[in-house]
Amino acid sequence: MAEALARGRRDGIGEADGAMLDYAVKLTRHPGAMTREDTGLLRAAGFGDRAILDICQVVSYYNYVNRLADGLGVELEAHWTLADQILTREDFEARRQKRKIPSPRGAPPVDGA
């Protein structure tokens, strides 16, 4: 799925995940253009205030760390594979459950959950 998303395809992405991805892309590429409407779109997709804060913090943190590493010329260690860099939906849901964060409306069910 990560490769499909990297190529701009959204096959099998639900409304909530799509809204989260749209928010992440806009915050990454055009941070000065963010408005209340952007968080409103996340709310409309079923995310609450805590989830919106989490999304914003994670996106912002990764943008910060990547810019810092790029600015210092830091290279990824050779042992990292693409699979090491991807968090699956199942892994994400397991972590969400551990933190007791409710699923947004429209989020796909996770097998065994």
Protein backbone atom coordinates (compact mmCIF):
# COMPACT_ATOMS: atom_id res chain seq x y z
CA MET A 1 0.00 0.00 0.00
CA ALA A 2 2.85 2.42 0.79
CA GLU A 3 4.17 2.13 -2.76
CA ALA A 4 0.69 2.79 -4.18
CA LEU A 5 0.33 5.89 -1.99
CA ALA A 6 3.76 7.12 -3.03
CA ARG A 7 2.55 6.92 -6.65
CA GLY A 8 -0.60 8.90 -5.82
CA ARG A 9 -3.03 5.96 -5.84
CA ARG A 10 -5.63 5.69 -3.10
CA ASP A 11 -7.16 2.29 -3.85
CA GLY A 12 -8.70 0.83 -0.70
CA ILE A 13 -8.16 3.97 1.40
CA GLY A 14 -11.20 4.84 3.52
CA GLU A 15 -12.60 8.32 4.12
CA ALA A 16 -10.84 8.79 7.45
CA ASP A 17 -7.43 7.67 6.16
CA GLY A 18 -7.86 9.80 3.04
CA ALA A 19 -8.65 12.89 5.12
CA MET A 20 -5.64 12.22 7.32
CA LEU A 21 -3.36 11.83 4.27
CA ASP A 22 -4.70 15.02 2.67
CA TYR A 23 -4.03 16.90 5.91
CA ALA A 24 -0.50 15.45 6.18
CA VAL A 25 0.36 16.36 2.59
CA LYS A 26 -0.92 19.92 2.95
CA LEU A 27 0.85 20.43 6.29
CA THR A 28 4.07 19.09 4.77
CA ARG A 29 4.00 20.99 1.47
CA HIS A 30 2.10 24.19 2.38
CA PRO A 31 2.21 24.71 6.17
CA GLY A 32 1.42 28.42 5.91
CA ALA A 33 -1.83 27.64 4.09
CA MET A 34 -3.35 25.58 6.92
CA THR A 35 -6.70 26.87 8.22
CA ARG A 36 -9.46 25.77 10.59
CA GLU A 37 -11.12 24.21 7.57
CA ASP A 38 -8.34 21.61 7.46
CA THR A 39 -9.05 20.43 11.00
CA GLY A 40 -12.76 20.65 10.20
CA LEU A 41 -12.27 18.14 7.40
CA LEU A 42 -10.60 15.78 9.88
CA ARG A 43 -13.51 16.22 12.31
CA ALA A 44 -15.97 15.50 9.50
CA ALA A 45 -14.07 12.26 8.84
CA GLY A 46 -14.55 11.23 12.48
CA PHE A 47 -11.39 12.41 14.21
CA GLY A 48 -11.67 14.04 17.63
CA ASP A 49 -9.49 16.76 19.11
CA ARG A 50 -6.93 14.35 20.58
CA ALA A 51 -6.58 12.42 17.32
CA ILE A 52 -6.21 15.68 15.35
CA LEU A 53 -3.49 16.82 17.75
CA ASP A 54 -1.76 13.44 17.39
CA ILE A 55 -1.91 13.64 13.59
CA CYS A 56 -0.54 17.18 13.58
CA GLN A 57 2.25 16.33 16.02
CA VAL A 58 3.35 13.21 14.15
CA VAL A 59 3.36 14.96 10.76
CA SER A 60 5.15 18.00 12.19
CA TYR A 61 7.71 15.88 14.03
CA TYR A 62 8.60 13.87 10.94
CA ASN A 63 8.86 17.04 8.87
CA TYR A 64 11.16 18.55 11.49
CA VAL A 65 13.37 15.47 11.81
CA ASN A 66 13.64 14.99 8.05
CA ARG A 67 14.56 18.64 7.48
CA LEU A 68 17.10 18.50 10.30
CA ALA A 69 18.67 15.32 8.90
CA ASP A 70 18.65 16.70 5.35
CA GLY A 71 20.17 19.98 6.54
CA LEU A 72 23.00 18.10 8.23
CA GLY A 73 23.53 15.68 5.35
CA VAL A 74 22.60 12.66 7.48
CA GLU A 75 22.31 9.44 5.47
CA LEU A 76 20.08 6.52 6.41
CA GLU A 77 21.97 3.53 7.75
CA ALA A 78 22.49 0.87 5.07
CA HIS A 79 20.67 -1.82 7.06
CA TRP A 80 17.28 0.00 6.87
CA THR A 81 14.91 -1.51 4.30
CA LEU A 82 11.66 -0.07 3.02
CA ALA A 83 9.77 -2.60 5.17
CA ASP A 84 11.55 -1.27 8.27
CA GLN A 85 10.20 2.18 7.52
CA ILE A 86 6.53 1.24 7.17
CA LEU A 87 3.98 0.91 9.96
CA THR A 88 1.20 -1.43 8.85
CA ARG A 89 -2.45 -0.68 9.55
CA GLU A 90 -2.50 -3.65 11.96
CA ASP A 91 0.55 -2.32 13.86
CA PHE A 92 -1.02 1.14 13.98
CA GLU A 93 -4.31 -0.24 15.31
CA ALA A 94 -2.50 -2.31 17.95
CA ARG A 95 -0.69 0.80 19.15
CA ARG A 96 -3.93 2.80 19.08
CA GLN A 97 -5.68 0.13 21.13
CA LYS A 98 -2.84 0.09 23.64
CA ARG A 99 -3.25 3.85 24.09
CA LYS A 100 -7.07 3.45 24.19
CA ILE A 101 -7.71 5.95 21.42
CA PRO A 102 -11.09 5.42 19.73
CA SER A 103 -11.21 4.74 16.00
CA PRO A 104 -12.50 7.54 13.78
CA ARG A 105 -15.78 6.97 11.96
CA GLY A 106 -15.20 5.23 8.66
CA ALA A 107 -11.94 3.59 9.72
CA PRO A 108 -11.66 0.09 8.35
CA PRO A 109 -12.00 -2.73 10.88
CA VAL A 110 -8.87 -4.59 11.81
CA ASP A 111 -8.88 -8.38 11.67
CA GLY A 112 -9.10 -9.86 15.15
CA ALA A 113 -10.03 -6.53 16.78
